[in-house]
């Protein structure tokens, strides 16, 4: 059996099909994590957006 830590509270959680909140320990921890994403507390790194000055000009 695999045991993981809840990403929100670090409580140990069994990774089972019957645990509908996995990897979270509960609905509450799942909602806390969703709220953090909605508030942009997490971000996936990526390339910086181009400034309009950096975009190639259309030659007509």
PDB file of N, CA and C in Angstrom:
ATOM      1  N   UNK A   1       0.844  -1.178   0.000  1.00  0.00           N
ATOM      2  CA  UNK A   1       0.000   0.000   0.000  1.00  0.00           C
ATOM      3  C   UNK A   1       0.891   1.244   0.000  1.00  0.00           C
ATOM      4  N   UNK A   2       0.532   2.205  -0.853  1.00  0.00           N
ATOM      5  CA  UNK A   2       1.278   3.455  -0.948  1.00  0.00           C
ATOM      6  C   UNK A   2       0.657   4.493  -0.020  1.00  0.00           C
ATOM      7  N   UNK A   3       1.513   5.190   0.703  1.00  0.00           N
ATOM      8  CA  UNK A   3       1.079   6.250   1.601  1.00  0.00           C
ATOM      9  C   UNK A   3       1.773   7.536   1.153  1.00  0.00           C
ATOM     10  N   UNK A   4       0.977   8.607   0.993  1.00  0.00           N
ATOM     11  CA  UNK A   4       1.519   9.910   0.587  1.00  0.00           C
ATOM     12  C   UNK A   4       1.119  10.956   1.617  1.00  0.00           C
ATOM     13  N   UNK A   5       1.792  12.081   1.566  1.00  0.00           N
ATOM     14  CA  UNK A   5       1.443  13.192   2.451  1.00  0.00           C
ATOM     15  C   UNK A   5       0.460  14.106   1.731  1.00  0.00           C
ATOM     16  N   UNK A   6      -0.590  14.507   2.411  1.00  0.00           N
ATOM     17  CA  UNK A   6      -1.558  15.453   1.855  1.00  0.00           C
ATOM     18  C   UNK A   6      -0.797  16.738   1.507  1.00  0.00           C
ATOM     19  N   UNK A   7      -0.950  17.243   0.277  1.00  0.00           N
ATOM     20  CA  UNK A   7      -0.224  18.450  -0.117  1.00  0.00           C
ATOM     21  C   UNK A   7      -0.586  19.691   0.701  1.00  0.00           C
ATOM     22  N   UNK A   8      -1.732  19.680   1.340  1.00  0.00           N
ATOM     23  CA  UNK A   8      -2.179  20.848   2.095  1.00  0.00           C
ATOM     24  C   UNK A   8      -1.754  20.797   3.555  1.00  0.00           C
ATOM     25  N   UNK A   9      -2.018  19.673   4.213  1.00  0.00           N
ATOM     26  CA  UNK A   9      -1.760  19.606   5.663  1.00  0.00           C
ATOM     27  C   UNK A   9      -0.671  18.610   6.067  1.00  0.00           C
ATOM     28  N   UNK A  10      -0.173  17.840   5.113  1.00  0.00           N
ATOM     29  CA  UNK A  10       0.894  16.853   5.325  1.00  0.00           C
ATOM     30  C   UNK A  10       0.449  15.608   6.086  1.00  0.00           C
ATOM     31  N   UNK A  11      -0.841  15.458   6.336  1.00  0.00           N
ATOM     32  CA  UNK A  11      -1.350  14.245   6.971  1.00  0.00           C
ATOM     33  C   UNK A  11      -1.090  13.062   6.047  1.00  0.00           C
ATOM     34  N   UNK A  12      -0.744  11.916   6.598  1.00  0.00           N
ATOM     35  CA  UNK A  12      -0.484  10.720   5.809  1.00  0.00           C
ATOM     36  C   UNK A  12      -1.799  10.174   5.266  1.00  0.00           C
ATOM     37  N   UNK A  13      -1.813   9.869   3.951  1.00  0.00           N
ATOM     38  CA  UNK A  13      -3.018   9.413   3.267  1.00  0.00           C
ATOM     39  C   UNK A  13      -2.699   8.145   2.495  1.00  0.00           C
ATOM     40  N   UNK A  14      -3.556   7.136   2.626  1.00  0.00           N
ATOM     41  CA  UNK A  14      -3.391   5.918   1.847  1.00  0.00           C
ATOM     42  C   UNK A  14      -3.855   6.181   0.416  1.00  0.00           C
ATOM     43  N   UNK A  15      -3.052   5.791  -0.557  1.00  0.00           N
ATOM     44  CA  UNK A  15      -3.382   5.989  -1.974  1.00  0.00           C
ATOM     45  C   UNK A  15      -4.230   4.809  -2.423  1.00  0.00           C
ATOM     46  N   UNK A  16      -5.536   4.933  -2.220  1.00  0.00           N
ATOM     47  CA  UNK A  16      -6.482   3.871  -2.551  1.00  0.00           C
ATOM     48  C   UNK A  16      -7.556   4.406  -3.491  1.00  0.00           C
ATOM     49  N   UNK A  17      -8.106   3.520  -4.334  1.00  0.00           N
ATOM     50  CA  UNK A  17      -9.203   3.913  -5.212  1.00  0.00           C
ATOM     51  C   UNK A  17     -10.403   4.416  -4.417  1.00  0.00           C
ATOM     52  N   UNK A  18     -10.571   3.921  -3.215  1.00  0.00           N
ATOM     53  CA  UNK A  18     -11.714   4.314  -2.388  1.00  0.00           C
ATOM     54  C   UNK A  18     -11.576   5.730  -1.809  1.00  0.00           C
ATOM     55  N   UNK A  19     -10.367   6.289  -1.849  1.00  0.00           N
ATOM     56  CA  UNK A  19     -10.155   7.649  -1.350  1.00  0.00           C
ATOM     57  C   UNK A  19     -10.416   8.628  -2.493  1.00  0.00           C
ATOM     58  N   UNK A  20     -11.625   9.173  -2.551  1.00  0.00           N
ATOM     59  CA  UNK A  20     -12.001  10.040  -3.665  1.00  0.00           C
ATOM     60  C   UNK A  20     -11.320  11.410  -3.629  1.00  0.00           C
ATOM     61  N   UNK A  21     -10.639  11.743  -2.542  1.00  0.00           N
ATOM     62  CA  UNK A  21      -9.962  13.038  -2.437  1.00  0.00           C
ATOM     63  C   UNK A  21      -8.462  12.952  -2.683  1.00  0.00           C
ATOM     64  N   UNK A  22      -7.945  11.776  -2.966  1.00  0.00           N
ATOM     65  CA  UNK A  22      -6.501  11.637  -3.097  1.00  0.00           C
ATOM     66  C   UNK A  22      -5.945  12.579  -4.145  1.00  0.00           C
ATOM     67  N   UNK A  23      -4.815  13.175  -3.964  1.00  0.00           N
ATOM     68  CA  UNK A  23      -3.846  12.949  -2.903  1.00  0.00           C
ATOM     69  C   UNK A  23      -4.141  13.703  -1.608  1.00  0.00           C
ATOM     70  N   UNK A  24      -5.304  14.361  -1.549  1.00  0.00           N
ATOM     71  CA  UNK A  24      -5.664  15.106  -0.343  1.00  0.00           C
ATOM     72  C   UNK A  24      -6.318  14.177   0.671  1.00  0.00           C
ATOM     73  N   UNK A  25      -6.304  14.590   1.936  1.00  0.00           N
ATOM     74  CA  UNK A  25      -6.889  13.765   2.985  1.00  0.00           C
ATOM     75  C   UNK A  25      -8.396  13.989   3.110  1.00  0.00           C
ATOM     76  N   UNK A  26      -8.877  15.138   2.603  1.00  0.00           N
ATOM     77  CA  UNK A  26     -10.288  15.466   2.782  1.00  0.00           C
ATOM     78  C   UNK A  26     -10.751  16.470   1.729  1.00  0.00           C
ATOM     79  N   UNK A  27     -12.049  16.664   1.659  1.00  0.00           N
ATOM     80  CA  UNK A  27     -12.634  17.681   0.777  1.00  0.00           C
ATOM     81  C   UNK A  27     -12.116  19.067   1.162  1.00  0.00           C
ATOM     82  N   UNK A  28     -11.985  19.316   2.452  1.00  0.00           N
ATOM     83  CA  UNK A  28     -11.510  20.619   2.925  1.00  0.00           C
ATOM     84  C   UNK A  28     -10.122  20.937   2.375  1.00  0.00           C
ATOM     85  N   UNK A  29      -9.192  19.997   2.483  1.00  0.00           N
ATOM     86  CA  UNK A  29      -7.834  20.228   1.978  1.00  0.00           C
ATOM     87  C   UNK A  29      -7.836  20.391   0.461  1.00  0.00           C
ATOM     88  N   UNK A  30      -8.692  19.653  -0.216  1.00  0.00           N
ATOM     89  CA  UNK A  30      -8.812  19.778  -1.671  1.00  0.00           C
ATOM     90  C   UNK A  30      -9.283  21.179  -2.043  1.00  0.00           C
ATOM     91  N   UNK A  31     -10.268  21.718  -1.319  1.00  0.00           N
ATOM     92  CA  UNK A  31     -10.800  23.051  -1.596  1.00  0.00           C
ATOM     93  C   UNK A  31      -9.795  24.152  -1.250  1.00  0.00           C
ATOM     94  N   UNK A  32      -9.026  23.958  -0.199  1.00  0.00           N
ATOM     95  CA  UNK A  32      -7.983  24.923   0.165  1.00  0.00           C
ATOM     96  C   UNK A  32      -6.974  25.027  -0.971  1.00  0.00           C
ATOM     97  N   UNK A  33      -6.571  23.890  -1.527  1.00  0.00           N
ATOM     98  CA  UNK A  33      -5.621  23.871  -2.623  1.00  0.00           C
ATOM     99  C   UNK A  33      -6.208  24.538  -3.871  1.00  0.00           C
ATOM    100  N   UNK A  34      -7.461  24.247  -4.173  1.00  0.00           N
ATOM    101  CA  UNK A  34      -8.121  24.868  -5.321  1.00  0.00           C
ATOM    102  C   UNK A  34      -8.177  26.387  -5.150  1.00  0.00           C
ATOM    103  N   UNK A  35      -8.478  26.843  -3.942  1.00  0.00           N
ATOM    104  CA  UNK A  35      -8.517  28.276  -3.657  1.00  0.00           C
ATOM    105  C   UNK A  35      -7.163  28.934  -3.842  1.00  0.00           C
ATOM    106  N   UNK A  36      -6.094  28.232  -3.467  1.00  0.00           N
ATOM    107  CA  UNK A  36      -4.744  28.781  -3.651  1.00  0.00           C
ATOM    108  C   UNK A  36      -4.429  28.954  -5.133  1.00  0.00           C
ATOM    109  N   UNK A  37      -4.846  27.993  -5.964  1.00  0.00           N
ATOM    110  CA  UNK A  37      -4.658  28.135  -7.411  1.00  0.00           C
ATOM    111  C   UNK A  37      -5.477  29.315  -7.928  1.00  0.00           C
ATOM    112  N   UNK A  38      -6.714  29.449  -7.462  1.00  0.00           N
ATOM    113  CA  UNK A  38      -7.591  30.525  -7.929  1.00  0.00           C
ATOM    114  C   UNK A  38      -7.029  31.904  -7.552  1.00  0.00           C
ATOM    115  N   UNK A  39      -6.353  31.986  -6.422  1.00  0.00           N
ATOM    116  CA  UNK A  39      -5.749  33.245  -5.976  1.00  0.00           C
ATOM    117  C   UNK A  39      -4.353  33.447  -6.555  1.00  0.00           C
ATOM    118  N   UNK A  40      -3.956  32.549  -7.460  1.00  0.00           N
ATOM    119  CA  UNK A  40      -2.659  32.605  -8.129  1.00  0.00           C
ATOM    120  C   UNK A  40      -1.484  32.542  -7.158  1.00  0.00           C
ATOM    121  N   UNK A  41      -1.655  31.778  -6.065  1.00  0.00           N
ATOM    122  CA  UNK A  41      -0.547  31.569  -5.132  1.00  0.00           C
ATOM    123  C   UNK A  41       0.455  30.565  -5.699  1.00  0.00           C
ATOM    124  N   UNK A  42       0.010  29.748  -6.633  1.00  0.00           N
ATOM    125  CA  UNK A  42       0.877  28.803  -7.323  1.00  0.00           C
ATOM    126  C   UNK A  42       1.009  29.280  -8.763  1.00  0.00           C
ATOM    127  N   UNK A  43       2.108  28.958  -9.382  1.00  0.00           N
ATOM    128  CA  UNK A  43       2.295  29.290 -10.792  1.00  0.00           C
ATOM    129  C   UNK A  43       3.171  28.229 -11.441  1.00  0.00           C
ATOM    130  N   UNK A  44       2.875  27.930 -12.669  1.00  0.00           N
ATOM    131  CA  UNK A  44       3.697  27.011 -13.438  1.00  0.00           C
ATOM    132  C   UNK A  44       4.686  27.871 -14.212  1.00  0.00           C
ATOM    133  N   UNK A  45       5.994  27.645 -14.019  1.00  0.00           N
ATOM    134  CA  UNK A  45       6.983  28.483 -14.692  1.00  0.00           C
ATOM    135  C   UNK A  45       6.878  28.359 -16.214  1.00  0.00           C
ATOM    136  N   UNK A  46       7.137  29.447 -16.867  1.00  0.00           N
ATOM    137  CA  UNK A  46       7.112  29.462 -18.319  1.00  0.00           C
ATOM    138  C   UNK A  46       7.893  30.653 -18.834  1.00  0.00           C
ATOM    139  N   UNK A  47       7.920  30.799 -20.118  1.00  0.00           N
ATOM    140  CA  UNK A  47       8.628  31.917 -20.731  1.00  0.00           C
ATOM    141  C   UNK A  47       7.880  33.216 -20.435  1.00  0.00           C
ATOM    142  N   UNK A  48       8.630  34.266 -20.304  1.00  0.00           N
ATOM    143  CA  UNK A  48       8.034  35.577 -20.060  1.00  0.00           C
ATOM    144  C   UNK A  48       7.251  36.011 -21.294  1.00  0.00           C
ATOM    145  N   UNK A  49       6.117  36.668 -21.111  1.00  0.00           N
ATOM    146  CA  UNK A  49       5.348  37.128 -22.265  1.00  0.00           C
ATOM    147  C   UNK A  49       6.116  38.194 -23.047  1.00  0.00           C
ATOM    148  N   UNK A  50       5.888  38.217 -24.339  1.00  0.00           N
ATOM    149  CA  UNK A  50       6.537  39.213 -25.186  1.00  0.00           C
ATOM    150  C   UNK A  50       5.873  40.568 -25.005  1.00  0.00           C
ATOM    151  N   UNK A  51       6.679  41.613 -24.987  1.00  0.00           N
ATOM    152  CA  UNK A  51       6.136  42.973 -25.022  1.00  0.00           C
ATOM    153  C   UNK A  51       5.673  43.245 -26.443  1.00  0.00           C
ATOM    154  N   UNK A  52       4.742  44.151 -26.591  1.00  0.00           N
ATOM    155  CA  UNK A  52       4.263  44.476 -27.938  1.00  0.00           C
ATOM    156  C   UNK A  52       5.406  45.017 -28.796  1.00  0.00           C
ATOM    157  N   UNK A  53       6.425  45.606 -28.191  1.00  0.00           N
ATOM    158  CA  UNK A  53       7.580  46.120 -28.932  1.00  0.00           C
ATOM    159  C   UNK A  53       8.455  44.981 -29.446  1.00  0.00           C
ATOM    160  N   UNK A  54       8.394  43.826 -28.783  1.00  0.00           N
ATOM    161  CA  UNK A  54       9.213  42.684 -29.171  1.00  0.00           C
ATOM    162  C   UNK A  54       8.603  41.886 -30.313  1.00  0.00           C
ATOM    163  N   UNK A  55       7.327  42.115 -30.602  1.00  0.00           N
ATOM    164  CA  UNK A  55       6.661  41.341 -31.651  1.00  0.00           C
ATOM    165  C   UNK A  55       7.119  41.816 -33.019  1.00  0.00           C
ATOM    166  N   UNK A  56       7.275  40.882 -33.949  1.00  0.00           N
ATOM    167  CA  UNK A  56       7.686  41.276 -35.302  1.00  0.00           C
ATOM    168  C   UNK A  56       6.611  42.164 -35.934  1.00  0.00           C
ATOM    169  N   UNK A  57       7.054  43.171 -36.649  1.00  0.00           N
ATOM    170  CA  UNK A  57       6.133  44.092 -37.309  1.00  0.00           C
ATOM    171  C   UNK A  57       5.686  43.500 -38.629  1.00  0.00           C
ATOM    172  N   UNK A  58       4.441  43.699 -38.960  1.00  0.00           N
ATOM    173  CA  UNK A  58       3.872  43.225 -40.208  1.00  0.00           C
ATOM    174  C   UNK A  58       4.312  44.164 -41.333  1.00  0.00           C
ATOM    175  N   UNK A  59       5.047  43.617 -42.295  1.00  0.00           N
ATOM    176  CA  UNK A  59       5.548  44.442 -43.389  1.00  0.00           C
ATOM    177  C   UNK A  59       4.552  44.387 -44.548  1.00  0.00           C
ATOM    178  N   UNK A  60       3.885  45.488 -44.801  1.00  0.00           N
ATOM    179  CA  UNK A  60       2.925  45.551 -45.916  1.00  0.00           C
ATOM    180  C   UNK A  60       3.257  46.683 -46.810  1.00  0.00           C
TER     181      UNK A  60
END
